[in-house]
Amino acid sequence: MIYPTLKFEEKLWREGKKLIAGVDEVGRGAFAGPVVVGAVIFFPDSKIPAGIADSKLLTAKKRQDLESKIKKWALGWAVAEISVEVINRVGIGKATQMAFVNAVSELKPKPEHILIDGFFIQCLDKNIQTAIIDGDKLSISIAAASILAKVYRDQLMERQDASYSGYGFGKHKGYGTKFHREMIKKHGLCKLHRTSFNIIK
């Protein structure tokens, strides 16, 4: 496994910017459930949990272990979700941007610079952001944010499994797996599905 580093954070720390937030989203491409964004600030002397990596590459147990350490040792962290109802009303692109803004707004202390996976936060000054392709594989702060968002969203979808039995949300977490597609054909759409995605088509 390739582990991210503090290369981007250290460059900014050397420039005098100490409050650097890593930001990442989870669930953007799912068929059902919310989109969730995590945000994490590590200070230069923060204790960094060993084993932080892109959340998609870790086991559920490892993610949960890291999540508790990240929350304990980070200088600041936040998680924000945007509901299916909002996604269906405004579209996934705008909903994801809303989640970015909400997560950053909830951070305490406020970041001086933002490292973000792939997308700029459109309503914020680009001079205080660095958009990094595959950032969750390259930056420890972004990877940590992806872990918080992934654990939060997975647990939420597992809780929804009991309310919407038959769809398997606890297993696939709302993503478009073969089993999920088959269950949509069998049961139709439920309130958790993103009708704005034209899933039936």
N, C-alpha and C. Protein backbone atom coordinates (compact mmCIF):
# COMPACT_ATOMS: atom_id res chain seq x y z
N MET A 1 0.84 -1.20 0.00
CA MET A 1 0.00 0.00 0.00
C MET A 1 0.88 1.26 0.00
N ILE A 2 0.45 2.25 -0.77
CA ILE A 2 1.15 3.54 -0.80
C ILE A 2 0.54 4.44 0.27
N TYR A 3 1.38 4.94 1.18
CA TYR A 3 0.89 5.78 2.26
C TYR A 3 1.17 7.26 1.93
N PRO A 4 0.22 8.14 2.24
CA PRO A 4 0.44 9.57 2.01
C PRO A 4 1.47 10.13 2.97
N THR A 5 1.93 11.33 2.66
CA THR A 5 2.96 11.99 3.48
C THR A 5 2.48 13.38 3.89
N LEU A 6 3.35 14.09 4.59
CA LEU A 6 3.08 15.47 4.99
C LEU A 6 3.80 16.47 4.08
N LYS A 7 4.14 16.06 2.87
CA LYS A 7 4.90 16.92 1.97
C LYS A 7 4.20 18.25 1.71
N PHE A 8 2.92 18.21 1.41
CA PHE A 8 2.18 19.44 1.10
C PHE A 8 2.01 20.30 2.36
N GLU A 9 1.71 19.63 3.47
CA GLU A 9 1.54 20.36 4.73
C GLU A 9 2.84 21.02 5.15
N GLU A 10 3.95 20.30 5.06
CA GLU A 10 5.24 20.83 5.50
C GLU A 10 5.67 22.04 4.68
N LYS A 11 5.37 22.02 3.39
CA LYS A 11 5.69 23.17 2.53
C LYS A 11 4.96 24.42 3.03
N LEU A 12 3.68 24.27 3.35
CA LEU A 12 2.89 25.39 3.83
C LEU A 12 3.32 25.81 5.24
N TRP A 13 3.67 24.85 6.07
CA TRP A 13 4.16 25.20 7.42
C TRP A 13 5.43 26.04 7.32
N ARG A 14 6.31 25.67 6.40
CA ARG A 14 7.56 26.43 6.22
C ARG A 14 7.28 27.86 5.75
N GLU A 15 6.17 28.05 5.06
CA GLU A 15 5.77 29.38 4.59
C GLU A 15 5.09 30.19 5.68
N GLY A 16 4.93 29.58 6.87
CA GLY A 16 4.33 30.29 7.98
C GLY A 16 2.85 30.05 8.18
N LYS A 17 2.26 29.20 7.35
CA LYS A 17 0.83 28.86 7.49
C LYS A 17 0.74 27.59 8.33
N LYS A 18 0.31 27.74 9.56
CA LYS A 18 0.32 26.60 10.50
C LYS A 18 -0.99 25.83 10.53
N LEU A 19 -2.11 26.48 10.23
CA LEU A 19 -3.43 25.83 10.33
C LEU A 19 -3.87 25.35 8.95
N ILE A 20 -3.48 24.12 8.63
CA ILE A 20 -3.74 23.55 7.31
C ILE A 20 -4.81 22.47 7.43
N ALA A 21 -5.89 22.63 6.70
CA ALA A 21 -6.98 21.66 6.73
C ALA A 21 -6.94 20.76 5.51
N GLY A 22 -7.06 19.46 5.75
CA GLY A 22 -7.29 18.51 4.67
C GLY A 22 -8.78 18.27 4.55
N VAL A 23 -9.29 18.24 3.33
CA VAL A 23 -10.74 18.10 3.09
C VAL A 23 -10.98 17.06 2.01
N ASP A 24 -11.99 16.18 2.24
CA ASP A 24 -12.32 15.17 1.23
C ASP A 24 -13.78 14.78 1.36
N GLU A 25 -14.37 14.34 0.25
CA GLU A 25 -15.76 13.90 0.22
C GLU A 25 -15.86 12.39 0.06
N VAL A 26 -16.99 11.86 0.51
CA VAL A 26 -17.31 10.44 0.34
C VAL A 26 -18.77 10.34 -0.08
N GLY A 27 -19.03 9.46 -1.03
CA GLY A 27 -20.41 9.20 -1.45
C GLY A 27 -20.88 9.99 -2.64
N ARG A 28 -19.99 10.72 -3.30
CA ARG A 28 -20.40 11.53 -4.45
C ARG A 28 -21.03 10.67 -5.54
N GLY A 29 -20.49 9.49 -5.78
CA GLY A 29 -20.97 8.66 -6.89
C GLY A 29 -21.98 7.59 -6.50
N ALA A 30 -22.43 7.61 -5.25
CA ALA A 30 -23.36 6.57 -4.80
C ALA A 30 -24.75 6.77 -5.42
N PHE A 31 -25.53 5.69 -5.48
CA PHE A 31 -26.90 5.75 -5.95
C PHE A 31 -27.85 6.23 -4.86
N ALA A 32 -27.45 6.07 -3.60
CA ALA A 32 -28.34 6.37 -2.49
C ALA A 32 -27.55 6.93 -1.31
N GLY A 33 -28.26 7.66 -0.46
CA GLY A 33 -27.64 8.21 0.74
C GLY A 33 -27.02 9.58 0.51
N PRO A 34 -26.56 10.20 1.59
CA PRO A 34 -26.02 11.56 1.51
C PRO A 34 -24.60 11.59 0.94
N VAL A 35 -24.16 12.78 0.62
CA VAL A 35 -22.74 13.01 0.37
C VAL A 35 -22.18 13.59 1.65
N VAL A 36 -20.99 13.13 2.03
CA VAL A 36 -20.39 13.50 3.31
C VAL A 36 -18.98 14.03 3.08
N VAL A 37 -18.63 15.09 3.78
CA VAL A 37 -17.29 15.69 3.68
C VAL A 37 -16.65 15.71 5.06
N GLY A 38 -15.40 15.30 5.11
CA GLY A 38 -14.60 15.39 6.32
C GLY A 38 -13.55 16.48 6.18
N ALA A 39 -13.15 17.05 7.30
CA ALA A 39 -12.10 18.07 7.32
C ALA A 39 -11.25 17.85 8.58
N VAL A 40 -9.93 17.92 8.43
CA VAL A 40 -9.02 17.65 9.54
C VAL A 40 -7.86 18.64 9.51
N ILE A 41 -7.50 19.15 10.69
CA ILE A 41 -6.31 20.00 10.84
C ILE A 41 -5.33 19.31 11.77
N PHE A 42 -4.12 19.05 11.26
CA PHE A 42 -3.01 18.61 12.09
C PHE A 42 -2.04 19.78 12.25
N PHE A 43 -1.63 20.07 13.49
CA PHE A 43 -0.63 21.11 13.74
C PHE A 43 0.76 20.50 13.51
N PRO A 44 1.78 21.33 13.27
CA PRO A 44 3.12 20.77 13.04
C PRO A 44 3.60 19.81 14.12
N ASP A 45 3.18 20.02 15.38
CA ASP A 45 3.63 19.11 16.44
C ASP A 45 2.55 18.11 16.85
N SER A 46 1.51 17.97 16.01
CA SER A 46 0.46 16.99 16.31
C SER A 46 1.01 15.58 16.24
N LYS A 47 0.48 14.71 17.08
CA LYS A 47 0.77 13.28 16.96
C LYS A 47 -0.07 12.75 15.80
N ILE A 48 0.58 12.08 14.86
CA ILE A 48 -0.11 11.57 13.66
C ILE A 48 -0.30 10.06 13.81
N PRO A 49 -1.53 9.57 13.73
CA PRO A 49 -1.75 8.11 13.82
C PRO A 49 -1.03 7.38 12.69
N ALA A 50 -0.36 6.30 13.02
CA ALA A 50 0.31 5.49 12.00
C ALA A 50 -0.72 4.75 11.17
N GLY A 51 -0.44 4.62 9.87
CA GLY A 51 -1.30 3.82 8.99
C GLY A 51 -2.37 4.59 8.26
N ILE A 52 -2.39 5.93 8.38
CA ILE A 52 -3.37 6.72 7.64
C ILE A 52 -3.15 6.54 6.14
N ALA A 53 -4.24 6.26 5.42
CA ALA A 53 -4.18 6.06 3.98
C ALA A 53 -5.55 6.40 3.40
N ASP A 54 -5.64 6.40 2.08
CA ASP A 54 -6.92 6.57 1.40
C ASP A 54 -7.94 5.62 2.03
N SER A 55 -9.07 6.16 2.48
CA SER A 55 -10.05 5.35 3.21
C SER A 55 -10.54 4.16 2.41
N LYS A 56 -10.57 4.27 1.09
CA LYS A 56 -11.07 3.18 0.24
C LYS A 56 -10.14 1.97 0.28
N LEU A 57 -8.90 2.17 0.68
CA LEU A 57 -7.91 1.10 0.67
C LEU A 57 -7.78 0.41 2.03
N LEU A 58 -8.51 0.89 3.03
CA LEU A 58 -8.41 0.35 4.38
C LEU A 58 -9.61 -0.54 4.71
N THR A 59 -9.43 -1.47 5.62
CA THR A 59 -10.54 -2.27 6.10
C THR A 59 -11.42 -1.42 7.01
N ALA A 60 -12.67 -1.85 7.20
CA ALA A 60 -13.58 -1.11 8.08
C ALA A 60 -13.02 -1.01 9.49
N LYS A 61 -12.42 -2.10 9.97
CA LYS A 61 -11.86 -2.10 11.33
C LYS A 61 -10.71 -1.10 11.45
N LYS A 62 -9.85 -1.06 10.44
CA LYS A 62 -8.71 -0.14 10.46
C LYS A 62 -9.21 1.31 10.39
N ARG A 63 -10.21 1.56 9.56
CA ARG A 63 -10.76 2.92 9.47
C ARG A 63 -11.32 3.37 10.82
N GLN A 64 -12.04 2.49 11.49
CA GLN A 64 -12.64 2.86 12.77
C GLN A 64 -11.58 3.12 13.83
N ASP A 65 -10.52 2.32 13.82
CA ASP A 65 -9.42 2.54 14.75
C ASP A 65 -8.75 3.89 14.50
N LEU A 66 -8.50 4.18 13.22
CA LEU A 66 -7.86 5.44 12.87
C LEU A 66 -8.78 6.63 13.15
N GLU A 67 -10.08 6.45 12.91
CA GLU A 67 -11.01 7.55 13.14
C GLU A 67 -10.94 8.05 14.57
N SER A 68 -10.94 7.14 15.53
CA SER A 68 -10.91 7.55 16.93
C SER A 68 -9.60 8.26 17.28
N LYS A 69 -8.50 7.81 16.69
CA LYS A 69 -7.20 8.45 16.95
C LYS A 69 -7.12 9.83 16.29
N ILE A 70 -7.64 9.93 15.08
CA ILE A 70 -7.63 11.22 14.38
C ILE A 70 -8.42 12.25 15.18
N LYS A 71 -9.60 11.86 15.64
CA LYS A 71 -10.43 12.79 16.42
C LYS A 71 -9.75 13.19 17.73
N LYS A 72 -9.00 12.27 18.29
CA LYS A 72 -8.33 12.53 19.56
C LYS A 72 -7.09 13.41 19.39
N TRP A 73 -6.33 13.18 18.33
CA TRP A 73 -5.02 13.82 18.19
C TRP A 73 -5.01 15.03 17.25
N ALA A 74 -6.00 15.17 16.39
CA ALA A 74 -6.01 16.32 15.48
C ALA A 74 -6.27 17.61 16.26
N LEU A 75 -5.75 18.71 15.75
CA LEU A 75 -6.02 20.02 16.36
C LEU A 75 -7.48 20.39 16.19
N GLY A 76 -8.08 20.00 15.05
CA GLY A 76 -9.49 20.26 14.79
C GLY A 76 -10.01 19.31 13.73
N TRP A 77 -11.31 19.01 13.78
CA TRP A 77 -11.93 18.16 12.77
C TRP A 77 -13.41 18.48 12.67
N ALA A 78 -14.00 18.15 11.51
CA ALA A 78 -15.44 18.35 11.30
C ALA A 78 -15.92 17.38 10.24
N VAL A 79 -17.20 17.04 10.31
CA VAL A 79 -17.86 16.21 9.31
C VAL A 79 -19.20 16.86 8.97
N ALA A 80 -19.49 16.97 7.68
CA ALA A 80 -20.76 17.57 7.24
C ALA A 80 -21.41 16.68 6.19
N GLU A 81 -22.73 16.55 6.27
CA GLU A 81 -23.46 15.77 5.27
C GLU A 81 -24.53 16.63 4.61
N ILE A 82 -24.80 16.30 3.35
CA ILE A 82 -25.90 16.91 2.62
C ILE A 82 -26.86 15.79 2.24
N SER A 83 -28.11 15.97 2.58
CA SER A 83 -29.10 14.90 2.46
C SER A 83 -29.47 14.56 1.02
N VAL A 84 -30.10 13.40 0.88
CA VAL A 84 -30.60 12.97 -0.43
C VAL A 84 -31.61 13.98 -0.97
N GLU A 85 -32.45 14.53 -0.09
CA GLU A 85 -33.46 15.49 -0.54
C GLU A 85 -32.81 16.70 -1.21
N VAL A 86 -31.72 17.19 -0.61
CA VAL A 86 -31.03 18.34 -1.19
C VAL A 86 -30.32 17.94 -2.47
N ILE A 87 -29.68 16.77 -2.48
CA ILE A 87 -29.01 16.29 -3.70
C ILE A 87 -29.99 16.22 -4.86
N ASN A 88 -31.19 15.68 -4.59
CA ASN A 88 -32.19 15.56 -5.66
C ASN A 88 -32.72 16.91 -6.11
N ARG A 89 -32.66 17.90 -5.24
CA ARG A 89 -33.17 19.23 -5.59
C ARG A 89 -32.14 20.06 -6.35
N VAL A 90 -30.87 20.01 -5.93
CA VAL A 90 -29.88 20.92 -6.51
C VAL A 90 -28.83 20.21 -7.37
N GLY A 91 -28.78 18.88 -7.31
CA GLY A 91 -27.77 18.14 -8.06
C GLY A 91 -26.57 17.82 -7.20
N ILE A 92 -25.84 16.77 -7.57
CA ILE A 92 -24.73 16.29 -6.74
C ILE A 92 -23.56 17.26 -6.73
N GLY A 93 -23.31 17.95 -7.83
CA GLY A 93 -22.19 18.89 -7.87
C GLY A 93 -22.36 20.02 -6.87
N LYS A 94 -23.51 20.65 -6.89
CA LYS A 94 -23.78 21.75 -5.96
C LYS A 94 -23.87 21.24 -4.54
N ALA A 95 -24.48 20.06 -4.35
CA ALA A 95 -24.59 19.49 -3.00
C ALA A 95 -23.21 19.21 -2.41
N THR A 96 -22.29 18.71 -3.23
CA THR A 96 -20.93 18.44 -2.76
C THR A 96 -20.23 19.74 -2.35
N GLN A 97 -20.41 20.78 -3.15
CA GLN A 97 -19.83 22.07 -2.79
C GLN A 97 -20.41 22.59 -1.47
N MET A 98 -21.70 22.40 -1.26
CA MET A 98 -22.33 22.80 0.00
C MET A 98 -21.71 22.05 1.18
N ALA A 99 -21.46 20.76 0.98
CA ALA A 99 -20.86 19.95 2.05
C ALA A 99 -19.43 20.42 2.34
N PHE A 100 -18.68 20.76 1.29
CA PHE A 100 -17.33 21.30 1.49
C PHE A 100 -17.38 22.55 2.38
N VAL A 101 -18.25 23.48 2.00
CA VAL A 101 -18.36 24.75 2.73
C VAL A 101 -18.77 24.50 4.18
N ASN A 102 -19.75 23.63 4.40
CA ASN A 102 -20.22 23.37 5.76
C ASN A 102 -19.13 22.76 6.63
N ALA A 103 -18.38 21.80 6.07
CA ALA A 103 -17.33 21.16 6.86
C ALA A 103 -16.24 22.16 7.24
N VAL A 104 -15.81 22.98 6.28
CA VAL A 104 -14.76 23.97 6.57
C VAL A 104 -15.28 25.01 7.56
N SER A 105 -16.54 25.41 7.42
CA SER A 105 -17.13 26.41 8.32
C SER A 105 -17.20 25.91 9.75
N GLU A 106 -17.37 24.59 9.92
CA GLU A 106 -17.49 24.02 11.26
C GLU A 106 -16.14 23.78 11.93
N LEU A 107 -15.05 23.90 11.18
CA LEU A 107 -13.73 23.66 11.76
C LEU A 107 -13.37 24.71 12.80
N LYS A 108 -12.83 24.25 13.90
CA LYS A 108 -12.27 25.12 14.93
C LYS A 108 -10.95 24.52 15.37
N PRO A 109 -9.85 25.31 15.22
CA PRO A 109 -9.77 26.69 14.74
C PRO A 109 -9.99 26.78 13.23
N LYS A 110 -10.14 28.00 12.75
CA LYS A 110 -10.34 28.22 11.32
C LYS A 110 -9.02 28.01 10.57
N PRO A 111 -9.06 27.29 9.45
CA PRO A 111 -7.82 27.03 8.70
C PRO A 111 -7.31 28.27 7.97
N GLU A 112 -6.00 28.31 7.82
CA GLU A 112 -5.35 29.35 7.01
C GLU A 112 -5.23 28.92 5.56
N HIS A 113 -5.20 27.60 5.34
CA HIS A 113 -5.09 27.07 3.98
C HIS A 113 -5.79 25.71 3.94
N ILE A 114 -6.29 25.36 2.77
CA ILE A 114 -7.05 24.13 2.60
C ILE A 114 -6.40 23.26 1.54
N LEU A 115 -6.13 22.01 1.89
CA LEU A 115 -5.71 21.00 0.92
C LEU A 115 -6.94 20.15 0.61
N ILE A 116 -7.31 20.06 -0.65
CA ILE A 116 -8.56 19.41 -1.00
C ILE A 116 -8.35 18.41 -2.14
N ASP A 117 -9.07 17.31 -2.06
CA ASP A 117 -8.91 16.24 -3.05
C ASP A 117 -9.67 16.55 -4.32
N GLY A 118 -8.94 16.98 -5.33
CA GLY A 118 -9.50 17.09 -6.67
C GLY A 118 -10.19 18.39 -7.01
N PHE A 119 -11.15 18.82 -6.21
CA PHE A 119 -11.99 19.96 -6.54
C PHE A 119 -11.67 21.17 -5.68
N PHE A 120 -11.66 22.37 -6.28
CA PHE A 120 -11.63 23.58 -5.48
C PHE A 120 -13.01 23.80 -4.85
N ILE A 121 -13.02 24.46 -3.70
CA ILE A 121 -14.28 24.93 -3.13
C ILE A 121 -14.60 26.25 -3.82
N GLN A 122 -15.64 26.25 -4.63
CA GLN A 122 -15.84 27.33 -5.59
C GLN A 122 -16.07 28.70 -4.97
N CYS A 123 -16.71 28.75 -3.82
CA CYS A 123 -17.04 30.05 -3.24
C CYS A 123 -15.92 30.61 -2.38
N LEU A 124 -14.83 29.87 -2.23
CA LEU A 124 -13.69 30.35 -1.44
C LEU A 124 -12.55 30.77 -2.36
N ASP A 125 -11.75 31.69 -1.87
CA ASP A 125 -10.60 32.20 -2.61
C ASP A 125 -9.65 31.05 -2.95
N LYS A 126 -9.31 30.91 -4.23
CA LYS A 126 -8.41 29.83 -4.64
C LYS A 126 -7.00 30.02 -4.09
N ASN A 127 -6.67 31.24 -3.66
CA ASN A 127 -5.34 31.49 -3.11
C ASN A 127 -5.15 30.82 -1.75
N ILE A 128 -6.25 30.42 -1.10
CA ILE A 128 -6.12 29.73 0.19
C ILE A 128 -6.42 28.24 0.05
N GLN A 129 -6.38 27.74 -1.19
CA GLN A 129 -6.66 26.33 -1.44
C GLN A 129 -5.58 25.72 -2.33
N THR A 130 -5.35 24.43 -2.15
CA THR A 130 -4.55 23.65 -3.08
C THR A 130 -5.35 22.40 -3.42
N ALA A 131 -5.77 22.30 -4.68
CA ALA A 131 -6.52 21.13 -5.14
C ALA A 131 -5.52 20.09 -5.65
N ILE A 132 -5.58 18.89 -5.08
CA ILE A 132 -4.59 17.85 -5.38
C ILE A 132 -5.30 16.63 -5.96
N ILE A 133 -4.98 16.28 -7.20
CA ILE A 133 -5.52 15.07 -7.80
C ILE A 133 -5.01 13.86 -7.01
N ASP A 134 -5.92 12.96 -6.66
CA ASP A 134 -5.58 11.80 -5.80
C ASP A 134 -5.01 12.26 -4.47
N GLY A 135 -5.53 13.36 -3.96
CA GLY A 135 -5.03 13.91 -2.72
C GLY A 135 -5.13 12.97 -1.53
N ASP A 136 -6.15 12.09 -1.54
CA ASP A 136 -6.28 11.15 -0.42
C ASP A 136 -5.20 10.08 -0.43
N LYS A 137 -4.47 9.98 -1.53
CA LYS A 137 -3.33 9.06 -1.61
C LYS A 137 -2.00 9.76 -1.35
N LEU A 138 -2.02 11.10 -1.36
CA LEU A 138 -0.78 11.87 -1.29
C LEU A 138 -0.62 12.68 -0.01
N SER A 139 -1.71 13.18 0.54
CA SER A 139 -1.66 14.06 1.71
C SER A 139 -2.27 13.37 2.92
N ILE A 140 -1.54 13.34 4.02
CA ILE A 140 -2.04 12.73 5.25
C ILE A 140 -3.30 13.44 5.74
N SER A 141 -3.34 14.77 5.64
CA SER A 141 -4.51 15.50 6.12
C SER A 141 -5.76 15.17 5.31
N ILE A 142 -5.60 15.08 3.99
CA ILE A 142 -6.75 14.73 3.14
C ILE A 142 -7.17 13.29 3.40
N ALA A 143 -6.21 12.39 3.51
CA ALA A 143 -6.54 11.00 3.80
C ALA A 143 -7.27 10.86 5.12
N ALA A 144 -6.83 11.61 6.13
CA ALA A 144 -7.50 11.59 7.43
C ALA A 144 -8.93 12.08 7.31
N ALA A 145 -9.13 13.12 6.52
CA ALA A 145 -10.48 13.64 6.30
C ALA A 145 -11.36 12.59 5.60
N SER A 146 -10.76 11.86 4.66
CA SER A 146 -11.53 10.82 3.96
C SER A 146 -11.94 9.70 4.90
N ILE A 147 -11.11 9.41 5.87
CA ILE A 147 -11.43 8.36 6.86
C ILE A 147 -12.61 8.79 7.73
N LEU A 148 -12.58 10.03 8.22
CA LEU A 148 -13.69 10.52 9.04
C LEU A 148 -15.00 10.48 8.26
N ALA A 149 -14.95 10.94 7.01
CA ALA A 149 -16.16 10.98 6.19
C ALA A 149 -16.66 9.57 5.87
N LYS A 150 -15.75 8.67 5.57
CA LYS A 150 -16.12 7.30 5.21
C LYS A 150 -16.74 6.56 6.39
N VAL A 151 -16.14 6.66 7.57
CA VAL A 151 -16.69 5.98 8.75
C VAL A 151 -18.08 6.54 9.09
N TYR A 152 -18.21 7.86 9.04
CA TYR A 152 -19.50 8.50 9.33
C TYR A 152 -20.57 8.01 8.36
N ARG A 153 -20.26 8.05 7.07
CA ARG A 153 -21.28 7.69 6.07
C ARG A 153 -21.60 6.20 6.12
N ASP A 154 -20.59 5.36 6.27
CA ASP A 154 -20.84 3.91 6.34
C ASP A 154 -21.74 3.57 7.52
N GLN A 155 -21.49 4.17 8.67
CA GLN A 155 -22.31 3.90 9.85
C GLN A 155 -23.74 4.39 9.64
N LEU A 156 -23.89 5.52 8.99
CA LEU A 156 -25.23 6.04 8.70
C LEU A 156 -25.99 5.08 7.79
N MET A 157 -25.34 4.58 6.74
CA MET A 157 -26.00 3.66 5.81
C MET A 157 -26.32 2.33 6.47
N GLU A 158 -25.47 1.90 7.38
CA GLU A 158 -25.75 0.66 8.13
C GLU A 158 -26.99 0.82 9.00
N ARG A 159 -27.16 2.00 9.60
CA ARG A 159 -28.35 2.25 10.42
C ARG A 159 -29.61 2.28 9.55
N GLN A 160 -29.48 2.77 8.32
CA GLN A 160 -30.63 2.84 7.43
C GLN A 160 -31.04 1.47 6.90
N ASP A 161 -30.17 0.49 7.01
CA ASP A 161 -30.43 -0.84 6.48
C ASP A 161 -31.69 -1.44 7.08
N ALA A 162 -31.91 -1.22 8.38
CA ALA A 162 -33.08 -1.79 9.05
C ALA A 162 -34.37 -1.13 8.57
N SER A 163 -34.31 0.15 8.25
CA SER A 163 -35.50 0.88 7.81
C SER A 163 -35.87 0.56 6.38
N TYR A 164 -34.89 0.18 5.58
CA TYR A 164 -35.12 -0.11 4.16
C TYR A 164 -34.59 -1.50 3.85
N SER A 165 -35.15 -2.50 4.53
CA SER A 165 -34.67 -3.88 4.36
C SER A 165 -34.93 -4.34 2.93
N GLY A 166 -34.04 -5.17 2.46
CA GLY A 166 -34.16 -5.70 1.10
C GLY A 166 -33.23 -5.06 0.11
N TYR A 167 -32.73 -3.86 0.42
CA TYR A 167 -31.82 -3.17 -0.51
C TYR A 167 -30.34 -3.48 -0.23
N GLY A 168 -30.02 -3.89 0.98
CA GLY A 168 -28.64 -4.21 1.30
C GLY A 168 -27.75 -3.02 1.56
N PHE A 169 -28.33 -1.91 2.06
CA PHE A 169 -27.53 -0.71 2.29
C PHE A 169 -26.38 -0.93 3.27
N GLY A 170 -26.57 -1.84 4.21
CA GLY A 170 -25.49 -2.12 5.15
C GLY A 170 -24.29 -2.76 4.50
N LYS A 171 -24.52 -3.37 3.35
CA LYS A 171 -23.44 -4.07 2.64
C LYS A 171 -22.75 -3.16 1.62
N HIS A 172 -23.52 -2.55 0.73
CA HIS A 172 -22.91 -1.77 -0.36
C HIS A 172 -22.90 -0.27 -0.10
N LYS A 173 -23.55 0.17 1.00
CA LYS A 173 -23.54 1.57 1.44
C LYS A 173 -24.13 2.54 0.42
N GLY A 174 -24.98 2.01 -0.47
CA GLY A 174 -25.65 2.87 -1.43
C GLY A 174 -24.97 2.96 -2.78
N TYR A 175 -23.82 2.35 -2.95
CA TYR A 175 -23.14 2.39 -4.25
C TYR A 175 -23.80 1.43 -5.24
N GLY A 176 -23.54 1.65 -6.51
CA GLY A 176 -24.25 0.94 -7.57
C GLY A 176 -23.71 -0.43 -7.89
N THR A 177 -23.64 -1.30 -6.91
CA THR A 177 -23.17 -2.66 -7.13
C THR A 177 -24.21 -3.46 -7.92
N LYS A 178 -23.82 -4.62 -8.39
CA LYS A 178 -24.74 -5.48 -9.12
C LYS A 178 -25.93 -5.84 -8.25
N PHE A 179 -25.66 -6.20 -6.98
CA PHE A 179 -26.74 -6.57 -6.06
C PHE A 179 -27.69 -5.40 -5.85
N HIS A 180 -27.15 -4.20 -5.67
CA HIS A 180 -27.99 -3.02 -5.46
C HIS A 180 -28.87 -2.77 -6.68
N ARG A 181 -28.31 -2.88 -7.86
CA ARG A 181 -29.09 -2.69 -9.08
C ARG A 181 -30.22 -3.72 -9.18
N GLU A 182 -29.92 -4.94 -8.81
CA GLU A 182 -30.94 -5.99 -8.85
C GLU A 182 -32.06 -5.71 -7.86
N MET A 183 -31.71 -5.19 -6.69
CA MET A 183 -32.72 -4.88 -5.69
C MET A 183 -33.58 -3.69 -6.10
N ILE A 184 -32.99 -2.74 -6.81
CA ILE A 184 -33.78 -1.62 -7.34
C ILE A 184 -34.79 -2.14 -8.36
N LYS A 185 -34.36 -3.06 -9.23
CA LYS A 185 -35.28 -3.65 -10.20
C LYS A 185 -36.41 -4.40 -9.51
N LYS A 186 -36.08 -5.05 -8.40
CA LYS A 186 -37.06 -5.86 -7.69
C LYS A 186 -38.03 -5.01 -6.87
N HIS A 187 -37.50 -4.02 -6.13
CA HIS A 187 -38.30 -3.27 -5.17
C HIS A 187 -38.65 -1.86 -5.63
N GLY A 188 -38.00 -1.37 -6.68
CA GLY A 188 -38.18 0.03 -7.05
C GLY A 188 -37.31 0.93 -6.19
N LEU A 189 -37.48 2.24 -6.34
CA LEU A 189 -36.68 3.19 -5.58
C LEU A 189 -37.31 3.46 -4.22
N CYS A 190 -36.44 3.80 -3.25
CA CYS A 190 -36.93 4.20 -1.92
C CYS A 190 -36.49 5.65 -1.67
N LYS A 191 -36.82 6.16 -0.50
CA LYS A 191 -36.55 7.56 -0.18
C LYS A 191 -35.06 7.89 -0.11
N LEU A 192 -34.22 6.86 0.02
CA LEU A 192 -32.78 7.10 0.09
C LEU A 192 -32.14 7.25 -1.28
N HIS A 193 -32.86 6.91 -2.33
CA HIS A 193 -32.26 6.92 -3.66
C HIS A 193 -32.22 8.32 -4.28
N ARG A 194 -31.20 8.53 -5.07
CA ARG A 194 -30.99 9.83 -5.73
C ARG A 194 -31.72 9.80 -7.07
N THR A 195 -32.92 10.28 -7.08
CA THR A 195 -33.70 10.30 -8.31
C THR A 195 -33.07 11.22 -9.36
N SER A 196 -32.27 12.17 -8.92
CA SER A 196 -31.59 13.09 -9.85
C SER A 196 -30.53 12.36 -10.68
N PHE A 197 -30.18 11.13 -10.29
CA PHE A 197 -29.17 10.37 -11.02
C PHE A 197 -29.76 9.56 -12.18
N ASN A 198 -31.08 9.61 -12.38
CA ASN A 198 -31.71 8.80 -13.43
C ASN A 198 -31.32 7.33 -13.30
N ILE A 199 -31.44 6.79 -12.08
CA ILE A 199 -31.00 5.43 -11.81
C ILE A 199 -31.77 4.41 -12.65
N ILE A 200 -33.07 4.64 -12.80
CA ILE A 200 -33.89 3.68 -13.56
C ILE A 200 -33.38 3.56 -14.98
N LYS A 201 -33.01 4.68 -15.59
CA LYS A 201 -32.47 4.65 -16.95
C LYS A 201 -31.18 3.84 -16.99
